[in-house]
Amino acid sequence: MSEAKVVVNYTDEQTTFAVNMYTGGTAVEKIAEMLGKTTRSVIAKLVSEGVYKANDRTKSVRVTKAEMVATLEQAAGVEAGAFKSFEKADKAALHEMASTFMALRQAYDIVAAEGQ
């Protein structure tokens, strides 16, 4: 009798990345694109991780530019207030910067882990 092989669809790093991006406000479609997965796959993973919330039209969480900049500072590992002038950027630019920072951070962590 042969044993069934378990196929890992998401690595731990991909799962962490998806959860962090989603809880940071990145759209599921963008996360799916960045991971090379389908939107439904990412939603299923976020549901299994207990973080996905279906669109609720009665309640909306608004993220301020200051909060987005604070997240960027934290992701970059710089002191609070270092990116204060970024608050003048529009939200789309801040969102794109946050996505790029997270992707770069994930790539750096993978390279660092391989080097150990």
N, C-alpha and C. Protein backbone atom coordinates (compact mmCIF):
# COMPACT_ATOMS: atom_id res chain seq x y z
N MET A 1 0.84 -1.18 0.00
CA MET A 1 0.00 0.00 0.00
C MET A 1 0.89 1.24 0.00
N SER A 2 0.67 2.15 -0.92
CA SER A 2 1.50 3.34 -1.01
C SER A 2 0.89 4.48 -0.19
N GLU A 3 1.78 5.31 0.31
CA GLU A 3 1.33 6.47 1.09
C GLU A 3 1.03 7.63 0.16
N ALA A 4 0.00 8.37 0.48
CA ALA A 4 -0.35 9.55 -0.31
C ALA A 4 0.64 10.66 -0.02
N LYS A 5 1.09 11.32 -1.05
CA LYS A 5 2.02 12.44 -0.86
C LYS A 5 1.22 13.69 -0.54
N VAL A 6 1.73 14.43 0.41
CA VAL A 6 1.09 15.69 0.77
C VAL A 6 1.78 16.79 -0.04
N VAL A 7 0.99 17.53 -0.78
CA VAL A 7 1.52 18.63 -1.58
C VAL A 7 1.31 19.92 -0.80
N VAL A 8 2.40 20.62 -0.57
CA VAL A 8 2.32 21.89 0.15
C VAL A 8 2.05 22.99 -0.88
N ASN A 9 0.87 23.58 -0.78
CA ASN A 9 0.48 24.61 -1.72
C ASN A 9 1.07 25.97 -1.35
N TYR A 10 1.24 26.21 -0.05
CA TYR A 10 1.80 27.46 0.46
C TYR A 10 2.93 27.14 1.43
N THR A 11 4.07 27.77 1.22
CA THR A 11 5.15 27.65 2.20
C THR A 11 4.79 28.49 3.41
N ASP A 12 5.50 28.28 4.51
CA ASP A 12 5.27 29.10 5.70
C ASP A 12 5.51 30.57 5.39
N GLU A 13 6.53 30.85 4.57
CA GLU A 13 6.85 32.23 4.22
C GLU A 13 5.73 32.87 3.39
N GLN A 14 5.18 32.10 2.45
CA GLN A 14 4.08 32.61 1.63
C GLN A 14 2.85 32.87 2.49
N THR A 15 2.59 31.97 3.43
CA THR A 15 1.44 32.15 4.32
C THR A 15 1.61 33.41 5.15
N THR A 16 2.78 33.58 5.75
CA THR A 16 3.05 34.76 6.56
C THR A 16 2.93 36.02 5.73
N PHE A 17 3.49 35.98 4.53
CA PHE A 17 3.44 37.13 3.63
C PHE A 17 1.99 37.49 3.31
N ALA A 18 1.18 36.48 2.93
CA ALA A 18 -0.21 36.72 2.57
C ALA A 18 -0.99 37.30 3.75
N VAL A 19 -0.80 36.74 4.94
CA VAL A 19 -1.50 37.23 6.13
C VAL A 19 -1.08 38.66 6.44
N ASN A 20 0.22 38.94 6.41
CA ASN A 20 0.70 40.29 6.71
C ASN A 20 0.20 41.32 5.69
N MET A 21 0.23 40.95 4.43
CA MET A 21 -0.24 41.87 3.40
C MET A 21 -1.74 42.13 3.55
N TYR A 22 -2.50 41.07 3.80
CA TYR A 22 -3.96 41.21 3.91
C TYR A 22 -4.32 42.04 5.14
N THR A 23 -3.71 41.74 6.27
CA THR A 23 -4.02 42.50 7.48
C THR A 23 -3.50 43.92 7.38
N GLY A 24 -2.54 44.15 6.49
CA GLY A 24 -2.03 45.49 6.24
C GLY A 24 -2.86 46.29 5.26
N GLY A 25 -3.88 45.65 4.69
CA GLY A 25 -4.79 46.37 3.81
C GLY A 25 -4.63 46.10 2.33
N THR A 26 -3.75 45.19 1.95
CA THR A 26 -3.56 44.88 0.54
C THR A 26 -4.73 44.04 0.03
N ALA A 27 -5.21 44.35 -1.15
CA ALA A 27 -6.32 43.62 -1.75
C ALA A 27 -5.92 42.17 -2.04
N VAL A 28 -6.87 41.27 -1.87
CA VAL A 28 -6.62 39.85 -2.09
C VAL A 28 -6.14 39.62 -3.52
N GLU A 29 -6.70 40.34 -4.48
CA GLU A 29 -6.29 40.18 -5.87
C GLU A 29 -4.82 40.52 -6.07
N LYS A 30 -4.35 41.54 -5.40
CA LYS A 30 -2.93 41.95 -5.50
C LYS A 30 -2.03 40.90 -4.86
N ILE A 31 -2.46 40.37 -3.70
CA ILE A 31 -1.68 39.32 -3.03
C ILE A 31 -1.58 38.09 -3.94
N ALA A 32 -2.71 37.72 -4.54
CA ALA A 32 -2.72 36.56 -5.44
C ALA A 32 -1.74 36.77 -6.60
N GLU A 33 -1.75 37.96 -7.17
CA GLU A 33 -0.85 38.28 -8.26
C GLU A 33 0.61 38.17 -7.82
N MET A 34 0.91 38.69 -6.65
CA MET A 34 2.28 38.68 -6.14
C MET A 34 2.77 37.26 -5.83
N LEU A 35 1.85 36.38 -5.42
CA LEU A 35 2.23 35.02 -5.07
C LEU A 35 2.10 34.05 -6.24
N GLY A 36 1.50 34.52 -7.34
CA GLY A 36 1.30 33.62 -8.47
C GLY A 36 0.22 32.58 -8.19
N LYS A 37 -0.77 32.97 -7.40
CA LYS A 37 -1.88 32.08 -7.04
C LYS A 37 -3.19 32.70 -7.54
N THR A 38 -4.25 31.91 -7.50
CA THR A 38 -5.55 32.46 -7.85
C THR A 38 -6.12 33.22 -6.65
N THR A 39 -7.03 34.13 -6.93
CA THR A 39 -7.66 34.90 -5.87
C THR A 39 -8.40 33.97 -4.92
N ARG A 40 -9.11 32.98 -5.45
CA ARG A 40 -9.86 32.05 -4.61
C ARG A 40 -8.94 31.23 -3.72
N SER A 41 -7.76 30.88 -4.22
CA SER A 41 -6.79 30.14 -3.42
C SER A 41 -6.31 30.99 -2.25
N VAL A 42 -6.02 32.25 -2.52
CA VAL A 42 -5.55 33.14 -1.45
C VAL A 42 -6.66 33.35 -0.42
N ILE A 43 -7.89 33.53 -0.88
CA ILE A 43 -9.00 33.69 0.05
C ILE A 43 -9.13 32.45 0.93
N ALA A 44 -9.05 31.27 0.32
CA ALA A 44 -9.15 30.02 1.08
C ALA A 44 -8.05 29.93 2.13
N LYS A 45 -6.84 30.34 1.76
CA LYS A 45 -5.72 30.30 2.71
C LYS A 45 -5.96 31.28 3.85
N LEU A 46 -6.41 32.48 3.52
CA LEU A 46 -6.67 33.49 4.56
C LEU A 46 -7.81 33.06 5.47
N VAL A 47 -8.81 32.37 4.93
CA VAL A 47 -9.89 31.83 5.76
C VAL A 47 -9.34 30.78 6.71
N SER A 48 -8.50 29.89 6.18
CA SER A 48 -7.92 28.83 7.02
C SER A 48 -7.02 29.40 8.12
N GLU A 49 -6.44 30.57 7.86
CA GLU A 49 -5.60 31.24 8.86
C GLU A 49 -6.44 32.09 9.81
N GLY A 50 -7.73 32.20 9.54
CA GLY A 50 -8.63 32.93 10.43
C GLY A 50 -8.58 34.44 10.32
N VAL A 51 -8.09 34.96 9.20
CA VAL A 51 -7.98 36.42 9.07
C VAL A 51 -8.89 37.03 8.01
N TYR A 52 -9.38 36.21 7.08
CA TYR A 52 -10.19 36.75 5.99
C TYR A 52 -11.57 37.15 6.48
N LYS A 53 -11.97 38.31 6.09
CA LYS A 53 -13.30 38.81 6.37
C LYS A 53 -13.95 39.16 5.03
N ALA A 54 -15.11 38.59 4.77
CA ALA A 54 -15.83 38.91 3.55
C ALA A 54 -16.20 40.40 3.57
N ASN A 55 -16.34 40.97 2.41
CA ASN A 55 -16.70 42.39 2.33
C ASN A 55 -17.95 42.66 3.14
N ASP A 56 -17.85 43.58 4.05
CA ASP A 56 -18.98 43.98 4.88
C ASP A 56 -19.28 45.43 4.55
N ARG A 57 -20.33 45.65 3.84
CA ARG A 57 -20.64 46.99 3.36
C ARG A 57 -21.13 47.92 4.47
N THR A 58 -21.45 47.37 5.64
CA THR A 58 -21.95 48.22 6.71
C THR A 58 -20.82 48.78 7.56
N LYS A 59 -19.65 48.18 7.46
CA LYS A 59 -18.55 48.61 8.31
C LYS A 59 -17.27 48.65 7.49
N SER A 60 -16.59 49.76 7.54
CA SER A 60 -15.36 49.92 6.78
C SER A 60 -14.26 50.44 7.69
N VAL A 61 -13.09 49.83 7.60
CA VAL A 61 -11.96 50.28 8.39
C VAL A 61 -11.15 51.24 7.53
N ARG A 62 -10.94 52.41 8.04
CA ARG A 62 -10.19 53.42 7.30
C ARG A 62 -8.77 53.48 7.87
N VAL A 63 -7.81 53.32 6.99
CA VAL A 63 -6.41 53.39 7.39
C VAL A 63 -5.90 54.77 6.99
N THR A 64 -5.35 55.49 7.95
CA THR A 64 -4.85 56.82 7.67
C THR A 64 -3.47 56.75 7.03
N LYS A 65 -3.09 57.85 6.39
CA LYS A 65 -1.75 57.92 5.81
C LYS A 65 -0.69 57.77 6.89
N ALA A 66 -0.93 58.36 8.06
CA ALA A 66 0.02 58.27 9.17
C ALA A 66 0.22 56.81 9.58
N GLU A 67 -0.85 56.02 9.59
CA GLU A 67 -0.74 54.60 9.94
C GLU A 67 0.03 53.84 8.86
N MET A 68 -0.22 54.20 7.61
CA MET A 68 0.50 53.54 6.52
C MET A 68 2.00 53.85 6.59
N VAL A 69 2.32 55.10 6.89
CA VAL A 69 3.73 55.50 7.00
C VAL A 69 4.38 54.79 8.18
N ALA A 70 3.67 54.66 9.30
CA ALA A 70 4.21 53.96 10.46
C ALA A 70 4.50 52.50 10.12
N THR A 71 3.64 51.89 9.33
CA THR A 71 3.86 50.51 8.89
C THR A 71 5.10 50.42 8.01
N LEU A 72 5.26 51.39 7.12
CA LEU A 72 6.46 51.42 6.27
C LEU A 72 7.73 51.56 7.10
N GLU A 73 7.69 52.44 8.08
CA GLU A 73 8.85 52.63 8.96
C GLU A 73 9.20 51.34 9.68
N GLN A 74 8.17 50.66 10.18
CA GLN A 74 8.40 49.41 10.90
C GLN A 74 8.97 48.35 9.95
N ALA A 75 8.42 48.24 8.75
CA ALA A 75 8.90 47.25 7.78
C ALA A 75 10.34 47.53 7.37
N ALA A 76 10.70 48.81 7.29
CA ALA A 76 12.06 49.19 6.89
C ALA A 76 13.04 49.13 8.06
N GLY A 77 12.50 49.04 9.27
CA GLY A 77 13.37 48.96 10.44
C GLY A 77 14.02 50.29 10.80
N VAL A 78 13.33 51.37 10.52
CA VAL A 78 13.86 52.70 10.85
C VAL A 78 13.08 53.27 12.03
N GLU A 79 13.62 54.30 12.63
CA GLU A 79 12.96 54.89 13.79
C GLU A 79 11.66 55.59 13.39
N ALA A 80 10.74 55.65 14.34
CA ALA A 80 9.46 56.30 14.11
C ALA A 80 9.70 57.76 13.73
N GLY A 81 9.00 58.22 12.72
CA GLY A 81 9.13 59.59 12.26
C GLY A 81 10.13 59.78 11.14
N ALA A 82 10.89 58.73 10.82
CA ALA A 82 11.91 58.85 9.76
C ALA A 82 11.28 59.11 8.39
N PHE A 83 10.08 58.60 8.17
CA PHE A 83 9.40 58.77 6.89
C PHE A 83 8.24 59.75 7.00
N LYS A 84 8.27 60.65 7.95
CA LYS A 84 7.18 61.58 8.20
C LYS A 84 6.73 62.31 6.93
N SER A 85 7.67 62.70 6.10
CA SER A 85 7.31 63.44 4.88
C SER A 85 6.54 62.58 3.88
N PHE A 86 6.57 61.25 4.04
CA PHE A 86 5.83 60.37 3.14
C PHE A 86 4.32 60.57 3.31
N GLU A 87 3.89 61.14 4.41
CA GLU A 87 2.46 61.35 4.64
C GLU A 87 1.85 62.28 3.59
N LYS A 88 2.71 63.01 2.87
CA LYS A 88 2.22 63.91 1.82
C LYS A 88 1.91 63.16 0.53
N ALA A 89 2.38 61.92 0.42
CA ALA A 89 2.12 61.11 -0.77
C ALA A 89 0.66 60.66 -0.78
N ASP A 90 0.16 60.31 -1.95
CA ASP A 90 -1.22 59.81 -1.99
C ASP A 90 -1.25 58.36 -1.51
N LYS A 91 -2.45 57.90 -1.15
CA LYS A 91 -2.59 56.56 -0.56
C LYS A 91 -2.17 55.46 -1.53
N ALA A 92 -2.44 55.63 -2.81
CA ALA A 92 -2.06 54.62 -3.78
C ALA A 92 -0.54 54.43 -3.80
N ALA A 93 0.20 55.53 -3.74
CA ALA A 93 1.66 55.45 -3.73
C ALA A 93 2.15 54.78 -2.44
N LEU A 94 1.54 55.14 -1.32
CA LEU A 94 1.93 54.53 -0.05
C LEU A 94 1.63 53.03 -0.06
N HIS A 95 0.50 52.66 -0.61
CA HIS A 95 0.12 51.26 -0.70
C HIS A 95 1.13 50.50 -1.55
N GLU A 96 1.50 51.06 -2.68
CA GLU A 96 2.48 50.43 -3.56
C GLU A 96 3.84 50.29 -2.88
N MET A 97 4.23 51.33 -2.14
CA MET A 97 5.49 51.26 -1.39
C MET A 97 5.44 50.15 -0.35
N ALA A 98 4.33 50.05 0.37
CA ALA A 98 4.19 49.02 1.40
C ALA A 98 4.27 47.63 0.78
N SER A 99 3.61 47.43 -0.35
CA SER A 99 3.65 46.14 -1.04
C SER A 99 5.07 45.80 -1.46
N THR A 100 5.76 46.79 -1.99
CA THR A 100 7.15 46.59 -2.43
C THR A 100 8.06 46.28 -1.25
N PHE A 101 7.92 47.02 -0.16
CA PHE A 101 8.71 46.78 1.05
C PHE A 101 8.51 45.35 1.54
N MET A 102 7.24 44.91 1.58
CA MET A 102 6.94 43.57 2.09
C MET A 102 7.54 42.50 1.17
N ALA A 103 7.44 42.70 -0.13
CA ALA A 103 8.00 41.74 -1.08
C ALA A 103 9.52 41.68 -0.95
N LEU A 104 10.14 42.84 -0.83
CA LEU A 104 11.60 42.88 -0.66
C LEU A 104 12.02 42.23 0.66
N ARG A 105 11.24 42.49 1.70
CA ARG A 105 11.53 41.91 3.01
C ARG A 105 11.43 40.39 2.95
N GLN A 106 10.40 39.89 2.27
CA GLN A 106 10.22 38.45 2.13
C GLN A 106 11.40 37.85 1.36
N ALA A 107 11.80 38.49 0.27
CA ALA A 107 12.92 38.00 -0.53
C ALA A 107 14.20 38.01 0.30
N TYR A 108 14.43 39.07 1.06
CA TYR A 108 15.62 39.16 1.92
C TYR A 108 15.62 38.04 2.95
N ASP A 109 14.48 37.80 3.58
CA ASP A 109 14.39 36.74 4.60
C ASP A 109 14.66 35.37 4.01
N ILE A 110 14.18 35.13 2.78
CA ILE A 110 14.42 33.86 2.12
C ILE A 110 15.91 33.68 1.82
N VAL A 111 16.53 34.72 1.27
CA VAL A 111 17.96 34.66 0.96
C VAL A 111 18.77 34.49 2.23
N ALA A 112 18.41 35.20 3.29
CA ALA A 112 19.13 35.09 4.55
C ALA A 112 18.99 33.68 5.13
N ALA A 113 17.81 33.09 5.01
CA ALA A 113 17.60 31.74 5.54
C ALA A 113 18.40 30.71 4.73
N GLU A 114 18.52 30.92 3.43
CA GLU A 114 19.29 29.99 2.59
C GLU A 114 20.78 30.10 2.88
N GLY A 115 21.23 31.26 3.31
CA GLY A 115 22.64 31.48 3.60
C GLY A 115 23.10 30.91 4.92
N GLN A 116 22.17 30.46 5.74
CA GLN A 116 22.55 29.94 7.07
C GLN A 116 22.97 28.52 7.01
